[in-house]
C-alpha atoms as a PDB file:
ATOM      1  CA  MET A   1     -42.032  23.357 -25.629  1.00  0.00           C
ATOM      2  CA  GLN A   2     -41.296  25.706 -28.559  1.00  0.00           C
ATOM      3  CA  ILE A   3     -42.005  29.126 -28.631  1.00  0.00           C
ATOM      4  CA  SER A   4     -42.174  31.509 -31.727  1.00  0.00           C
ATOM      5  CA  THR A   5     -43.214  34.986 -32.045  1.00  0.00           C
ATOM      6  CA  GLU A   6     -45.035  37.033 -34.613  1.00  0.00           C
ATOM      7  CA  GLU A   7     -46.058  40.694 -34.994  1.00  0.00           C
ATOM      8  CA  MET A   8     -48.992  41.245 -35.802  1.00  0.00           C
ATOM      9  CA  PRO A   9     -50.993  44.578 -37.221  1.00  0.00           C
ATOM     10  CA  GLY A  10     -51.899  46.843 -34.766  1.00  0.00           C
ATOM     11  CA  GLY A  11     -48.728  46.798 -32.623  1.00  0.00           C
ATOM     12  CA  ILE A  12     -49.619  42.873 -31.560  1.00  0.00           C
ATOM     13  CA  THR A  13     -47.216  40.412 -30.264  1.00  0.00           C
ATOM     14  CA  ARG A  14     -48.457  36.728 -30.853  1.00  0.00           C
ATOM     15  CA  VAL A  15     -46.385  34.322 -28.789  1.00  0.00           C
ATOM     16  CA  VAL A  16     -47.178  30.843 -30.041  1.00  0.00           C
ATOM     17  CA  LEU A  17     -46.725  28.139 -27.620  1.00  0.00           C
ATOM     18  CA  ASP A  18     -46.327  24.305 -28.703  1.00  0.00           C
ATOM     19  CA  GLY A  19     -46.029  21.339 -26.428  1.00  0.00           C
ATOM     20  CA  ARG A  20     -46.700  20.630 -22.717  1.00  0.00           C
ATOM     21  CA  MET A  21     -46.444  23.469 -20.336  1.00  0.00           C
ATOM     22  CA  ASP A  22     -45.212  21.389 -17.388  1.00  0.00           C
ATOM     23  CA  ILE A  23     -42.027  21.865 -15.267  1.00  0.00           C
ATOM     24  CA  ALA A  24     -39.701  21.078 -18.252  1.00  0.00           C
ATOM     25  CA  GLY A  25     -42.034  23.180 -20.700  1.00  0.00           C
ATOM     26  CA  ALA A  26     -41.827  26.021 -18.413  1.00  0.00           C
ATOM     27  CA  ALA A  27     -38.439  26.025 -18.029  1.00  0.00           C
ATOM     28  CA  ALA A  28     -37.874  26.241 -21.960  1.00  0.00           C
ATOM     29  CA  VAL A  29     -40.406  29.639 -22.259  1.00  0.00           C
ATOM     30  CA  ASP A  30     -39.675  31.260 -19.155  1.00  0.00           C
ATOM     31  CA  LEU A  31     -36.618  33.373 -20.441  1.00  0.00           C
ATOM     32  CA  LYS A  32     -37.992  34.151 -23.763  1.00  0.00           C
ATOM     33  CA  MET A  33     -41.665  34.861 -22.253  1.00  0.00           C
ATOM     34  CA  ASN A  34     -40.195  37.831 -19.774  1.00  0.00           C
ATOM     35  CA  LEU A  35     -38.236  39.031 -22.617  1.00  0.00           C
ATOM     36  CA  ILE A  36     -41.083  39.350 -24.952  1.00  0.00           C
ATOM     37  CA  ALA A  37     -43.052  40.778 -21.653  1.00  0.00           C
ATOM     38  CA  GLY A  38     -40.475  43.665 -21.221  1.00  0.00           C
ATOM     39  CA  SER A  39     -41.345  45.337 -24.191  1.00  0.00           C
ATOM     40  CA  ALA A  40     -44.626  44.027 -25.659  1.00  0.00           C
ATOM     41  CA  LYS A  41     -48.000  46.430 -24.859  1.00  0.00           C
ATOM     42  CA  LYS A  42     -50.441  44.045 -26.634  1.00  0.00           C
ATOM     43  CA  LEU A  43     -49.487  40.518 -26.186  1.00  0.00           C
ATOM     44  CA  LEU A  44     -51.545  37.322 -27.620  1.00  0.00           C
ATOM     45  CA  VAL A  45     -50.559  34.176 -26.212  1.00  0.00           C
ATOM     46  CA  ASP A  46     -51.664  31.564 -28.221  1.00  0.00           C
ATOM     47  CA  LEU A  47     -52.186  28.216 -26.488  1.00  0.00           C
ATOM     48  CA  GLU A  48     -53.932  26.666 -29.590  1.00  0.00           C
ATOM     49  CA  LYS A  49     -50.963  24.038 -29.768  1.00  0.00           C
ATOM     50  CA  VAL A  50     -50.612  23.654 -26.086  1.00  0.00           C
ATOM     51  CA  ALA A  51     -51.429  19.893 -24.750  1.00  0.00           C
ATOM     52  CA  PHE A  52     -50.636  20.205 -21.422  1.00  0.00           C
ATOM     53  CA  LEU A  53     -51.005  23.188 -18.332  1.00  0.00           C
ATOM     54  CA  GLY A  54     -49.358  22.827 -15.178  1.00  0.00           C
ATOM     55  CA  SER A  55     -48.964  25.043 -12.422  1.00  0.00           C
ATOM     56  CA  MET A  56     -45.447  25.640 -13.416  1.00  0.00           C
ATOM     57  CA  GLY A  57     -47.028  26.352 -17.138  1.00  0.00           C
ATOM     58  CA  LEU A  58     -49.521  28.865 -15.381  1.00  0.00           C
ATOM     59  CA  ARG A  59     -46.733  30.539 -13.855  1.00  0.00           C
ATOM     60  CA  SER A  60     -44.799  30.879 -17.178  1.00  0.00           C
ATOM     61  CA  ILE A  61     -47.891  32.620 -18.499  1.00  0.00           C
ATOM     62  CA  VAL A  62     -48.985  34.705 -15.317  1.00  0.00           C
ATOM     63  CA  THR A  63     -45.519  36.471 -14.585  1.00  0.00           C
ATOM     64  CA  PRO A  64     -44.909  37.999 -18.210  1.00  0.00           C
ATOM     65  CA  ALA A  65     -49.013  38.951 -18.196  1.00  0.00           C
ATOM     66  CA  ARG A  66     -48.397  40.802 -15.004  1.00  0.00           C
ATOM     67  CA  ALA A  67     -45.099  42.635 -16.154  1.00  0.00           C
ATOM     68  CA  VAL A  68     -47.104  43.640 -19.498  1.00  0.00           C
ATOM     69  CA  LYS A  69     -50.223  44.679 -17.235  1.00  0.00           C
ATOM     70  CA  SER A  70     -48.097  46.993 -15.337  1.00  0.00           C
ATOM     71  CA  ARG A  71     -46.667  48.926 -17.888  1.00  0.00           C
ATOM     72  CA  GLY A  72     -50.610  49.450 -19.142  1.00  0.00           C
ATOM     73  CA  GLY A  73     -50.428  47.011 -21.553  1.00  0.00           C
ATOM     74  CA  LYS A  74     -53.130  43.978 -22.451  1.00  0.00           C
ATOM     75  CA  VAL A  75     -52.527  40.665 -22.580  1.00  0.00           C
ATOM     76  CA  VAL A  76     -55.365  37.955 -23.861  1.00  0.00           C
ATOM     77  CA  LEU A  77     -54.876  34.017 -24.008  1.00  0.00           C
ATOM     78  CA  PHE A  78     -56.099  32.571 -27.302  1.00  0.00           C
ATOM     79  CA  ALA A  79     -57.702  29.060 -28.153  1.00  0.00           C
ATOM     80  CA  PRO A  80     -56.700  27.098 -25.351  1.00  0.00           C
ATOM     81  CA  ASN A  81     -58.174  23.432 -26.072  1.00  0.00           C
ATOM     82  CA  GLU A  82     -60.686  22.167 -23.351  1.00  0.00           C
ATOM     83  CA  MET A  83     -57.968  20.704 -20.748  1.00  0.00           C
ATOM     84  CA  VAL A  84     -56.109  24.063 -20.848  1.00  0.00           C
ATOM     85  CA  GLU A  85     -59.148  25.990 -20.764  1.00  0.00           C
ATOM     86  CA  SER A  86     -60.073  23.881 -17.647  1.00  0.00           C
ATOM     87  CA  VAL A  87     -57.069  24.668 -15.968  1.00  0.00           C
ATOM     88  CA  LEU A  88     -57.452  28.516 -16.319  1.00  0.00           C
ATOM     89  CA  LYS A  89     -60.897  28.363 -14.954  1.00  0.00           C
ATOM     90  CA  THR A  90     -59.901  26.260 -11.943  1.00  0.00           C
ATOM     91  CA  SER A  91     -57.100  28.555 -11.136  1.00  0.00           C
ATOM     92  CA  GLY A  92     -58.834  31.814 -11.810  1.00  0.00           C
ATOM     93  CA  ILE A  93     -56.767  32.663 -14.251  1.00  0.00           C
ATOM     94  CA  ASP A  94     -59.588  33.539 -16.826  1.00  0.00           C
ATOM     95  CA  THR A  95     -60.644  36.397 -14.243  1.00  0.00           C
ATOM     96  CA  LEU A  96     -57.529  37.841 -14.558  1.00  0.00           C
ATOM     97  CA  ILE A  97     -56.646  37.507 -18.180  1.00  0.00           C
ATOM     98  CA  PRO A  98     -59.350  37.101 -21.034  1.00  0.00           C
ATOM     99  CA  VAL A  99     -59.619  34.046 -22.787  1.00  0.00           C
ATOM    100  CA  CYS A 100     -60.826  34.104 -26.421  1.00  0.00           C
ATOM    101  CA  HIS A 101     -61.427  31.209 -29.004  1.00  0.00           C
ATOM    102  CA  ASP A 102     -61.997  33.787 -31.972  1.00  0.00           C
ATOM    103  CA  LEU A 103     -58.677  35.813 -33.338  1.00  0.00           C
ATOM    104  CA  ASP A 104     -60.818  38.314 -34.216  1.00  0.00           C
ATOM    105  CA  ALA A 105     -62.430  38.669 -30.508  1.00  0.00           C
ATOM    106  CA  ALA A 106     -59.171  38.170 -29.239  1.00  0.00           C
ATOM    107  CA  ILE A 107     -57.517  41.328 -31.572  1.00  0.00           C
ATOM    108  CA  ALA A 108     -60.858  43.522 -30.494  1.00  0.00           C
ATOM    109  CA  GLU A 109     -60.060  42.610 -26.811  1.00  0.00           C
ATOM    110  CA  LEU A 110     -56.608  43.834 -27.061  1.00  0.00           C
ATOM    111  CA  GLY A 111     -57.474  46.990 -29.183  1.00  0.00           C
END
């Protein structure tokens, strides 16, 4: 699992995840995700390159999202593939964190 960040206009931090969000993948990104969540006010989590999302991967997304929200920030999940989005919907995460497939819509949601 690879993780990279990019600062976007409007104070948005884009986190790009690439790989499998299974136990090993989650362990690989947990620390960095929590560090990012500690300072980000607007967080766009790019899931476009995530091939698999398991329960540990969900935790790696939800825990930092809660931290951002607790400080009055916003989080959006961007461009999950069909399988990943199915996991988000089945687990109910999509009702807690908005899921967008269009970058402009994601940016507007973080507005």
